[in-house]
Amino acid sequence: MELVQYGQQQITYTIERRKRAKTVAITVTPDSEVVVLAPHHMTIQAIKEMVQKKARWIIEKKKYFLSLVEKFPVKEYVSGEQLLFLGRTYRLKVVEETCIDTEKPQIIGRRIYIAVNKYLETKEKQEIIREKLVKWYFSSAREKIEQRVNRHKKQLGVYPTGIIIKDQKKRWGSCSKNGTLRFNWKTVMAPISVIDYVVVHEMCHLKIKNHSPSYWKLLASVLLNYRKQIDWLKNNAASFKL
């Protein structure tokens, strides 16, 4: 962990080295972690100077994500809390029962219903509700992402060797050397247009491994307004908490 001083504030950051990276890229995650992607040849001092130059922007970004945390507080898994699914906001409805007939959450109107044993302690209820939600989001993500991959694979002329849904903290998706696509399960919280961007972004890497102009030209040939979807993710990712 490295740090720089900006006025009265300290900015801590981690460095990730990338073989193909030619320039420095500084990102602030929704958890307010600062990550610097840098070429292997770049010195620690040079990276520090870059972070220092971007310090004001980093502080503003961290403030922005903090405001979203206040807007979307830590879940207590009680009725009335907001949940995102396919870009729409739903209210959680916890139904306490003596006999649980259904394991999966159900969408009815603008609510997501979850049944839980009424005789459990509060903490146990919360753990079970979260577990059911995560399992449901995983399943829904696989279904929706496979649909979008099938929709675009003929158009792009690429055929992934596999699709894996994962719990990824810093990435929406990735493409392995053997053609396996991996996606963050939280992607299903976004609108279909944004899911399309994440899916097509990784599918394009099956043809072009880097982010060269040719890569972005290929992406734009499928999704002309992809920059709009990138902005949506940047502005809303902090609300994807469960």
C-alpha atoms as a PDB file:
ATOM      1  CA  MET A   1       0.000   0.000   0.000  1.00  0.00           C
ATOM      2  CA  GLU A   2       1.391   3.390  -1.053  1.00  0.00           C
ATOM      3  CA  LEU A   3       0.272   6.872  -0.024  1.00  0.00           C
ATOM      4  CA  VAL A   4       0.520  10.538  -0.970  1.00  0.00           C
ATOM      5  CA  GLN A   5      -0.357  13.647   1.027  1.00  0.00           C
ATOM      6  CA  TYR A   6      -2.897  16.123  -0.334  1.00  0.00           C
ATOM      7  CA  GLY A   7      -3.382  19.043   2.036  1.00  0.00           C
ATOM      8  CA  GLN A   8      -4.673  17.584   5.287  1.00  0.00           C
ATOM      9  CA  GLN A   9      -5.690  14.310   3.641  1.00  0.00           C
ATOM     10  CA  GLN A  10      -3.795  11.144   2.890  1.00  0.00           C
ATOM     11  CA  ILE A  11      -4.544   9.109  -0.217  1.00  0.00           C
ATOM     12  CA  THR A  12      -3.629   5.444   0.022  1.00  0.00           C
ATOM     13  CA  TYR A  13      -3.469   3.382  -3.151  1.00  0.00           C
ATOM     14  CA  THR A  14      -2.410   0.017  -4.502  1.00  0.00           C
ATOM     15  CA  ILE A  15      -0.420  -0.594  -7.667  1.00  0.00           C
ATOM     16  CA  GLU A  16      -1.255  -3.293 -10.194  1.00  0.00           C
ATOM     17  CA  ARG A  17       1.273  -3.977 -12.928  1.00  0.00           C
ATOM     18  CA  ARG A  18       0.005  -4.872 -16.400  1.00  0.00           C
ATOM     19  CA  LYS A  19       2.197  -6.331 -19.146  1.00  0.00           C
ATOM     20  CA  ARG A  20       0.331  -4.633 -21.979  1.00  0.00           C
ATOM     21  CA  ALA A  21      -0.191  -1.311 -20.201  1.00  0.00           C
ATOM     22  CA  LYS A  22       1.546   1.644 -21.862  1.00  0.00           C
ATOM     23  CA  THR A  23       0.143   4.422 -19.702  1.00  0.00           C
ATOM     24  CA  VAL A  24      -1.057   4.861 -16.111  1.00  0.00           C
ATOM     25  CA  ALA A  25      -4.754   4.430 -15.324  1.00  0.00           C
ATOM     26  CA  ILE A  26      -6.058   5.527 -11.928  1.00  0.00           C
ATOM     27  CA  THR A  27      -9.423   4.247 -10.750  1.00  0.00           C
ATOM     28  CA  VAL A  28     -11.467   4.738  -7.593  1.00  0.00           C
ATOM     29  CA  THR A  29     -13.667   1.757  -6.763  1.00  0.00           C
ATOM     30  CA  PRO A  30     -17.182   2.099  -5.269  1.00  0.00           C
ATOM     31  CA  ASP A  31     -15.580   1.042  -1.955  1.00  0.00           C
ATOM     32  CA  SER A  32     -13.317   4.132  -2.236  1.00  0.00           C
ATOM     33  CA  GLU A  33     -10.217   2.055  -2.913  1.00  0.00           C
ATOM     34  CA  VAL A  34      -7.694   3.727  -5.215  1.00  0.00           C
ATOM     35  CA  VAL A  35      -6.075   1.374  -7.735  1.00  0.00           C
ATOM     36  CA  VAL A  36      -3.293   2.395 -10.101  1.00  0.00           C
ATOM     37  CA  LEU A  37      -2.789   0.256 -13.220  1.00  0.00           C
ATOM     38  CA  ALA A  38       0.760   0.866 -14.428  1.00  0.00           C
ATOM     39  CA  PRO A  39       3.293  -0.511 -16.933  1.00  0.00           C
ATOM     40  CA  HIS A  40       5.993  -2.794 -15.557  1.00  0.00           C
ATOM     41  CA  HIS A  41       8.777  -0.354 -16.425  1.00  0.00           C
ATOM     42  CA  MET A  42       7.300   2.627 -14.529  1.00  0.00           C
ATOM     43  CA  THR A  43       9.035   3.506 -11.257  1.00  0.00           C
ATOM     44  CA  ILE A  44       7.260   3.837  -7.914  1.00  0.00           C
ATOM     45  CA  GLN A  45       8.260   7.509  -7.775  1.00  0.00           C
ATOM     46  CA  ALA A  46       6.786   8.220 -11.223  1.00  0.00           C
ATOM     47  CA  ILE A  47       3.547   6.535 -10.229  1.00  0.00           C
ATOM     48  CA  LYS A  48       3.439   8.557  -7.014  1.00  0.00           C
ATOM     49  CA  GLU A  49       3.826  11.784  -8.993  1.00  0.00           C
ATOM     50  CA  MET A  50       0.916  10.780 -11.226  1.00  0.00           C
ATOM     51  CA  VAL A  51      -1.284  10.078  -8.198  1.00  0.00           C
ATOM     52  CA  GLN A  52      -0.262  13.444  -6.726  1.00  0.00           C
ATOM     53  CA  LYS A  53      -1.325  15.204  -9.924  1.00  0.00           C
ATOM     54  CA  LYS A  54      -4.714  13.457  -9.822  1.00  0.00           C
ATOM     55  CA  ALA A  55      -5.175  13.906  -6.059  1.00  0.00           C
ATOM     56  CA  ARG A  56      -7.978  16.456  -6.303  1.00  0.00           C
ATOM     57  CA  TRP A  57      -9.929  14.268  -8.729  1.00  0.00           C
ATOM     58  CA  ILE A  58      -9.402  11.230  -6.458  1.00  0.00           C
ATOM     59  CA  ILE A  59     -10.708  13.100  -3.397  1.00  0.00           C
ATOM     60  CA  GLU A  60     -13.794  14.263  -5.298  1.00  0.00           C
ATOM     61  CA  LYS A  61     -14.446  10.730  -6.549  1.00  0.00           C
ATOM     62  CA  LYS A  62     -14.153   9.315  -3.018  1.00  0.00           C
ATOM     63  CA  LYS A  63     -16.602  11.978  -1.772  1.00  0.00           C
ATOM     64  CA  TYR A  64     -19.019  11.032  -4.526  1.00  0.00           C
ATOM     65  CA  PHE A  65     -18.958   7.351  -3.627  1.00  0.00           C
ATOM     66  CA  LEU A  66     -19.363   8.240   0.058  1.00  0.00           C
ATOM     67  CA  SER A  67     -22.524  10.194  -0.805  1.00  0.00           C
ATOM     68  CA  LEU A  68     -23.866   7.112  -2.588  1.00  0.00           C
ATOM     69  CA  VAL A  69     -23.115   4.967   0.464  1.00  0.00           C
ATOM     70  CA  GLU A  70     -25.226   7.381   2.513  1.00  0.00           C
ATOM     71  CA  LYS A  71     -27.970   7.177  -0.110  1.00  0.00           C
ATOM     72  CA  PHE A  72     -27.775   3.363  -0.250  1.00  0.00           C
ATOM     73  CA  PRO A  73     -26.912   2.312   3.329  1.00  0.00           C
ATOM     74  CA  VAL A  74     -25.806  -1.158   4.418  1.00  0.00           C
ATOM     75  CA  LYS A  75     -28.671  -3.621   4.058  1.00  0.00           C
ATOM     76  CA  GLU A  76     -30.484  -4.892   7.127  1.00  0.00           C
ATOM     77  CA  TYR A  77     -32.664  -7.234   5.012  1.00  0.00           C
ATOM     78  CA  VAL A  78     -35.984  -5.917   6.244  1.00  0.00           C
ATOM     79  CA  SER A  79     -39.163  -5.047   4.357  1.00  0.00           C
ATOM     80  CA  GLY A  80     -39.014  -1.736   2.534  1.00  0.00           C
ATOM     81  CA  GLU A  81     -35.332  -1.779   1.589  1.00  0.00           C
ATOM     82  CA  GLN A  82     -34.451  -1.029  -2.027  1.00  0.00           C
ATOM     83  CA  LEU A  83     -33.047  -3.682  -4.374  1.00  0.00           C
ATOM     84  CA  LEU A  84     -31.873  -3.236  -7.958  1.00  0.00           C
ATOM     85  CA  PHE A  85     -32.698  -5.722 -10.701  1.00  0.00           C
ATOM     86  CA  LEU A  86     -32.223  -5.072 -14.425  1.00  0.00           C
ATOM     87  CA  GLY A  87     -31.932  -1.360 -13.740  1.00  0.00           C
ATOM     88  CA  ARG A  88     -35.210  -1.043 -11.873  1.00  0.00           C
ATOM     89  CA  THR A  89     -35.698  -0.408  -8.169  1.00  0.00           C
ATOM     90  CA  TYR A  90     -37.769  -2.885  -6.175  1.00  0.00           C
ATOM     91  CA  ARG A  91     -38.806  -2.980  -2.524  1.00  0.00           C
ATOM     92  CA  LEU A  92     -37.918  -6.002  -0.432  1.00  0.00           C
ATOM     93  CA  LYS A  93     -40.877  -7.717   1.204  1.00  0.00           C
ATOM     94  CA  VAL A  94     -39.972 -10.219   3.918  1.00  0.00           C
ATOM     95  CA  VAL A  95     -42.741 -12.734   4.574  1.00  0.00           C
ATOM     96  CA  GLU A  96     -42.387 -14.572   7.858  1.00  0.00           C
ATOM     97  CA  GLU A  97     -43.900 -18.055   7.808  1.00  0.00           C
ATOM     98  CA  THR A  98     -43.949 -21.212   9.894  1.00  0.00           C
ATOM     99  CA  CYS A  99     -43.577 -23.400   6.804  1.00  0.00           C
ATOM    100  CA  ILE A 100     -41.446 -22.270   3.862  1.00  0.00           C
ATOM    101  CA  ASP A 101     -42.921 -23.435   0.550  1.00  0.00           C
ATOM    102  CA  THR A 102     -40.594 -21.543  -1.766  1.00  0.00           C
ATOM    103  CA  GLU A 103     -36.845 -21.092  -1.589  1.00  0.00           C
ATOM    104  CA  LYS A 104     -36.419 -18.536  -4.369  1.00  0.00           C
ATOM    105  CA  PRO A 105     -37.309 -14.840  -4.158  1.00  0.00           C
ATOM    106  CA  GLN A 106     -40.276 -13.869  -6.304  1.00  0.00           C
ATOM    107  CA  ILE A 107     -40.995 -10.603  -8.100  1.00  0.00           C
ATOM    108  CA  ILE A 108     -44.587  -9.457  -7.785  1.00  0.00           C
ATOM    109  CA  GLY A 109     -45.216  -5.972  -9.084  1.00  0.00           C
ATOM    110  CA  ARG A 110     -42.437  -3.720  -7.837  1.00  0.00           C
ATOM    111  CA  ARG A 111     -41.596  -5.918  -4.853  1.00  0.00           C
ATOM    112  CA  ILE A 112     -39.260  -8.831  -4.315  1.00  0.00           C
ATOM    113  CA  TYR A 113     -40.820 -11.300  -1.890  1.00  0.00           C
ATOM    114  CA  ILE A 114     -38.703 -13.592   0.278  1.00  0.00           C
ATOM    115  CA  ALA A 115     -40.087 -16.115   2.745  1.00  0.00           C
ATOM    116  CA  VAL A 116     -38.221 -16.810   5.965  1.00  0.00           C
ATOM    117  CA  ASN A 117     -38.883 -18.884   9.067  1.00  0.00           C
ATOM    118  CA  LYS A 118     -40.515 -16.602  11.644  1.00  0.00           C
ATOM    119  CA  TYR A 119     -38.988 -18.449  14.604  1.00  0.00           C
ATOM    120  CA  LEU A 120     -35.376 -17.682  13.690  1.00  0.00           C
ATOM    121  CA  GLU A 121     -33.297 -15.046  15.444  1.00  0.00           C
ATOM    122  CA  THR A 122     -32.927 -11.703  13.643  1.00  0.00           C
ATOM    123  CA  LYS A 123     -29.310 -12.320  12.631  1.00  0.00           C
ATOM    124  CA  GLU A 124     -30.162 -15.760  11.242  1.00  0.00           C
ATOM    125  CA  LYS A 125     -33.033 -14.275   9.228  1.00  0.00           C
ATOM    126  CA  GLN A 126     -30.739 -11.646   7.771  1.00  0.00           C
ATOM    127  CA  GLU A 127     -28.124 -14.235   6.786  1.00  0.00           C
ATOM    128  CA  ILE A 128     -30.717 -16.484   5.138  1.00  0.00           C
ATOM    129  CA  ILE A 129     -32.361 -13.591   3.272  1.00  0.00           C
ATOM    130  CA  ARG A 130     -29.005 -12.392   1.928  1.00  0.00           C
ATOM    131  CA  GLU A 131     -28.019 -15.945   0.966  1.00  0.00           C
ATOM    132  CA  LYS A 132     -31.282 -16.407  -0.939  1.00  0.00           C
ATOM    133  CA  LEU A 133     -30.874 -13.059  -2.695  1.00  0.00           C
ATOM    134  CA  VAL A 134     -27.286 -13.738  -3.758  1.00  0.00           C
ATOM    135  CA  LYS A 135     -28.203 -17.201  -5.072  1.00  0.00           C
ATOM    136  CA  TRP A 136     -31.119 -15.680  -6.999  1.00  0.00           C
ATOM    137  CA  TYR A 137     -28.958 -12.902  -8.447  1.00  0.00           C
ATOM    138  CA  PHE A 138     -26.321 -15.455  -9.513  1.00  0.00           C
ATOM    139  CA  SER A 139     -28.951 -17.574 -11.261  1.00  0.00           C
ATOM    140  CA  SER A 140     -30.559 -14.546 -12.901  1.00  0.00           C
ATOM    141  CA  ALA A 141     -27.167 -13.230 -14.027  1.00  0.00           C
ATOM    142  CA  ARG A 142     -26.324 -16.525 -15.707  1.00  0.00           C
ATOM    143  CA  GLU A 143     -29.671 -16.610 -17.505  1.00  0.00           C
ATOM    144  CA  LYS A 144     -29.533 -12.996 -18.734  1.00  0.00           C
ATOM    145  CA  ILE A 145     -25.848 -13.002 -19.662  1.00  0.00           C
ATOM    146  CA  GLU A 146     -26.143 -16.259 -21.617  1.00  0.00           C
ATOM    147  CA  GLN A 147     -29.076 -14.718 -23.499  1.00  0.00           C
ATOM    148  CA  ARG A 148     -27.010 -11.649 -24.408  1.00  0.00           C
ATOM    149  CA  VAL A 149     -23.977 -13.733 -25.434  1.00  0.00           C
ATOM    150  CA  ASN A 150     -26.167 -15.835 -27.725  1.00  0.00           C
ATOM    151  CA  ARG A 151     -27.657 -12.651 -29.158  1.00  0.00           C
ATOM    152  CA  HIS A 152     -24.296 -11.156 -30.139  1.00  0.00           C
ATOM    153  CA  LYS A 153     -22.027 -14.116 -30.947  1.00  0.00           C
ATOM    154  CA  LYS A 154     -23.146 -14.503 -34.576  1.00  0.00           C
ATOM    155  CA  GLN A 155     -22.898 -10.772 -35.167  1.00  0.00           C
ATOM    156  CA  LEU A 156     -19.333 -10.720 -33.834  1.00  0.00           C
ATOM    157  CA  GLY A 157     -18.410 -14.106 -35.189  1.00  0.00           C
ATOM    158  CA  VAL A 158     -17.022 -15.282 -31.858  1.00  0.00           C
ATOM    159  CA  TYR A 159     -17.933 -18.300 -29.764  1.00  0.00           C
ATOM    160  CA  PRO A 160     -16.719 -18.400 -26.145  1.00  0.00           C
ATOM    161  CA  THR A 161     -15.608 -21.743 -24.751  1.00  0.00           C
ATOM    162  CA  GLY A 162     -17.496 -21.119 -21.510  1.00  0.00           C
ATOM    163  CA  ILE A 163     -19.332 -18.593 -19.370  1.00  0.00           C
ATOM    164  CA  ILE A 164     -18.659 -18.285 -15.634  1.00  0.00           C
ATOM    165  CA  ILE A 165     -20.539 -16.074 -13.181  1.00  0.00           C
ATOM    166  CA  LYS A 166     -18.287 -14.943 -10.327  1.00  0.00           C
ATOM    167  CA  ASP A 167     -18.092 -12.699  -7.303  1.00  0.00           C
ATOM    168  CA  GLN A 168     -15.607 -10.112  -8.573  1.00  0.00           C
ATOM    169  CA  LYS A 169     -14.818  -7.008  -6.542  1.00  0.00           C
ATOM    170  CA  LYS A 170     -13.051  -4.895  -9.145  1.00  0.00           C
ATOM    171  CA  ARG A 171     -14.204  -6.170 -12.533  1.00  0.00           C
ATOM    172  CA  TRP A 172     -17.451  -6.462 -14.408  1.00  0.00           C
ATOM    173  CA  GLY A 173     -16.024  -9.102 -16.678  1.00  0.00           C
ATOM    174  CA  SER A 174     -12.894 -10.725 -18.069  1.00  0.00           C
ATOM    175  CA  CYS A 175     -11.810 -12.876 -20.997  1.00  0.00           C
ATOM    176  CA  SER A 176      -9.277 -15.673 -20.533  1.00  0.00           C
ATOM    177  CA  LYS A 177      -6.728 -16.869 -23.088  1.00  0.00           C
ATOM    178  CA  ASN A 178      -8.721 -20.049 -23.684  1.00  0.00           C
ATOM    179  CA  GLY A 179     -11.875 -18.107 -24.558  1.00  0.00           C
ATOM    180  CA  THR A 180     -13.736 -18.380 -21.257  1.00  0.00           C
ATOM    181  CA  LEU A 181     -15.782 -15.318 -20.324  1.00  0.00           C
ATOM    182  CA  ARG A 182     -16.236 -14.412 -16.653  1.00  0.00           C
ATOM    183  CA  PHE A 183     -18.831 -11.954 -15.403  1.00  0.00           C
ATOM    184  CA  ASN A 184     -19.617 -10.281 -12.106  1.00  0.00           C
ATOM    185  CA  TRP A 185     -22.971 -11.486 -10.743  1.00  0.00           C
ATOM    186  CA  LYS A 186     -23.917  -7.927  -9.779  1.00  0.00           C
ATOM    187  CA  THR A 187     -24.065  -7.038 -13.475  1.00  0.00           C
ATOM    188  CA  VAL A 188     -27.670  -8.257 -13.473  1.00  0.00           C
ATOM    189  CA  MET A 189     -28.586  -5.274 -11.300  1.00  0.00           C
ATOM    190  CA  ALA A 190     -27.937  -3.019 -14.310  1.00  0.00           C
ATOM    191  CA  PRO A 191     -30.285  -2.310 -17.241  1.00  0.00           C
ATOM    192  CA  ILE A 192     -30.155  -4.696 -20.214  1.00  0.00           C
ATOM    193  CA  SER A 193     -28.366  -2.050 -22.303  1.00  0.00           C
ATOM    194  CA  VAL A 194     -25.566  -1.940 -19.718  1.00  0.00           C
ATOM    195  CA  ILE A 195     -25.432  -5.744 -19.489  1.00  0.00           C
ATOM    196  CA  ASP A 196     -25.048  -5.734 -23.271  1.00  0.00           C
ATOM    197  CA  TYR A 197     -22.059  -3.408 -22.962  1.00  0.00           C
ATOM    198  CA  VAL A 198     -20.343  -5.618 -20.363  1.00  0.00           C
ATOM    199  CA  VAL A 199     -21.019  -8.746 -22.437  1.00  0.00           C
ATOM    200  CA  VAL A 200     -19.961  -7.275 -25.787  1.00  0.00           C
ATOM    201  CA  HIS A 201     -16.881  -5.694 -24.190  1.00  0.00           C
ATOM    202  CA  GLU A 202     -15.581  -9.128 -23.196  1.00  0.00           C
ATOM    203  CA  MET A 203     -16.732 -10.827 -26.401  1.00  0.00           C
ATOM    204  CA  CYS A 204     -14.735  -8.311 -28.441  1.00  0.00           C
ATOM    205  CA  HIS A 205     -11.647  -9.453 -26.525  1.00  0.00           C
ATOM    206  CA  LEU A 206     -12.088 -12.859 -28.124  1.00  0.00           C
ATOM    207  CA  LYS A 207     -11.000 -11.098 -31.325  1.00  0.00           C
ATOM    208  CA  ILE A 208      -8.778  -8.293 -30.033  1.00  0.00           C
ATOM    209  CA  LYS A 209      -7.003  -8.810 -26.714  1.00  0.00           C
ATOM    210  CA  ASN A 210      -6.074  -5.170 -26.057  1.00  0.00           C
ATOM    211  CA  HIS A 211      -7.919  -1.835 -25.942  1.00  0.00           C
ATOM    212  CA  SER A 212      -6.449  -0.460 -29.156  1.00  0.00           C
ATOM    213  CA  PRO A 213      -8.417   1.847 -31.511  1.00  0.00           C
ATOM    214  CA  SER A 214      -9.316  -1.261 -33.532  1.00  0.00           C
ATOM    215  CA  TYR A 215     -10.878  -2.788 -30.427  1.00  0.00           C
ATOM    216  CA  TRP A 216     -13.093   0.244 -29.715  1.00  0.00           C
ATOM    217  CA  LYS A 217     -14.058   0.418 -33.385  1.00  0.00           C
ATOM    218  CA  LEU A 218     -15.212  -3.200 -33.200  1.00  0.00           C
ATOM    219  CA  LEU A 219     -17.180  -2.507 -30.025  1.00  0.00           C
ATOM    220  CA  ALA A 220     -18.815   0.573 -31.562  1.00  0.00           C
ATOM    221  CA  SER A 221     -19.879  -1.492 -34.588  1.00  0.00           C
ATOM    222  CA  VAL A 222     -22.124  -3.470 -32.245  1.00  0.00           C
ATOM    223  CA  LEU A 223     -22.958  -0.844 -29.603  1.00  0.00           C
ATOM    224  CA  LEU A 224     -22.721   2.666 -31.014  1.00  0.00           C
ATOM    225  CA  ASN A 225     -23.623   4.347 -27.697  1.00  0.00           C
ATOM    226  CA  TYR A 226     -21.336   2.246 -25.488  1.00  0.00           C
ATOM    227  CA  ARG A 227     -19.869   5.362 -23.806  1.00  0.00           C
ATOM    228  CA  LYS A 228     -23.291   6.092 -22.345  1.00  0.00           C
ATOM    229  CA  GLN A 229     -23.306   2.628 -20.739  1.00  0.00           C
ATOM    230  CA  ILE A 230     -19.788   3.148 -19.350  1.00  0.00           C
ATOM    231  CA  ASP A 231     -20.966   6.385 -17.727  1.00  0.00           C
ATOM    232  CA  TRP A 232     -24.000   4.618 -16.267  1.00  0.00           C
ATOM    233  CA  LEU A 233     -21.774   2.020 -14.601  1.00  0.00           C
ATOM    234  CA  LYS A 234     -19.422   4.667 -13.221  1.00  0.00           C
ATOM    235  CA  ASN A 235     -22.311   6.682 -11.785  1.00  0.00           C
ATOM    236  CA  ASN A 236     -24.345   3.804 -10.337  1.00  0.00           C
ATOM    237  CA  ALA A 237     -21.916   1.025  -9.384  1.00  0.00           C
ATOM    238  CA  ALA A 238     -21.810   2.133  -5.741  1.00  0.00           C
ATOM    239  CA  SER A 239     -25.490   1.257  -5.375  1.00  0.00           C
ATOM    240  CA  PHE A 240     -24.841  -2.397  -6.329  1.00  0.00           C
ATOM    241  CA  LYS A 241     -24.510  -3.464  -2.716  1.00  0.00           C
ATOM    242  CA  LEU A 242     -26.134  -6.418  -1.070  1.00  0.00           C
END
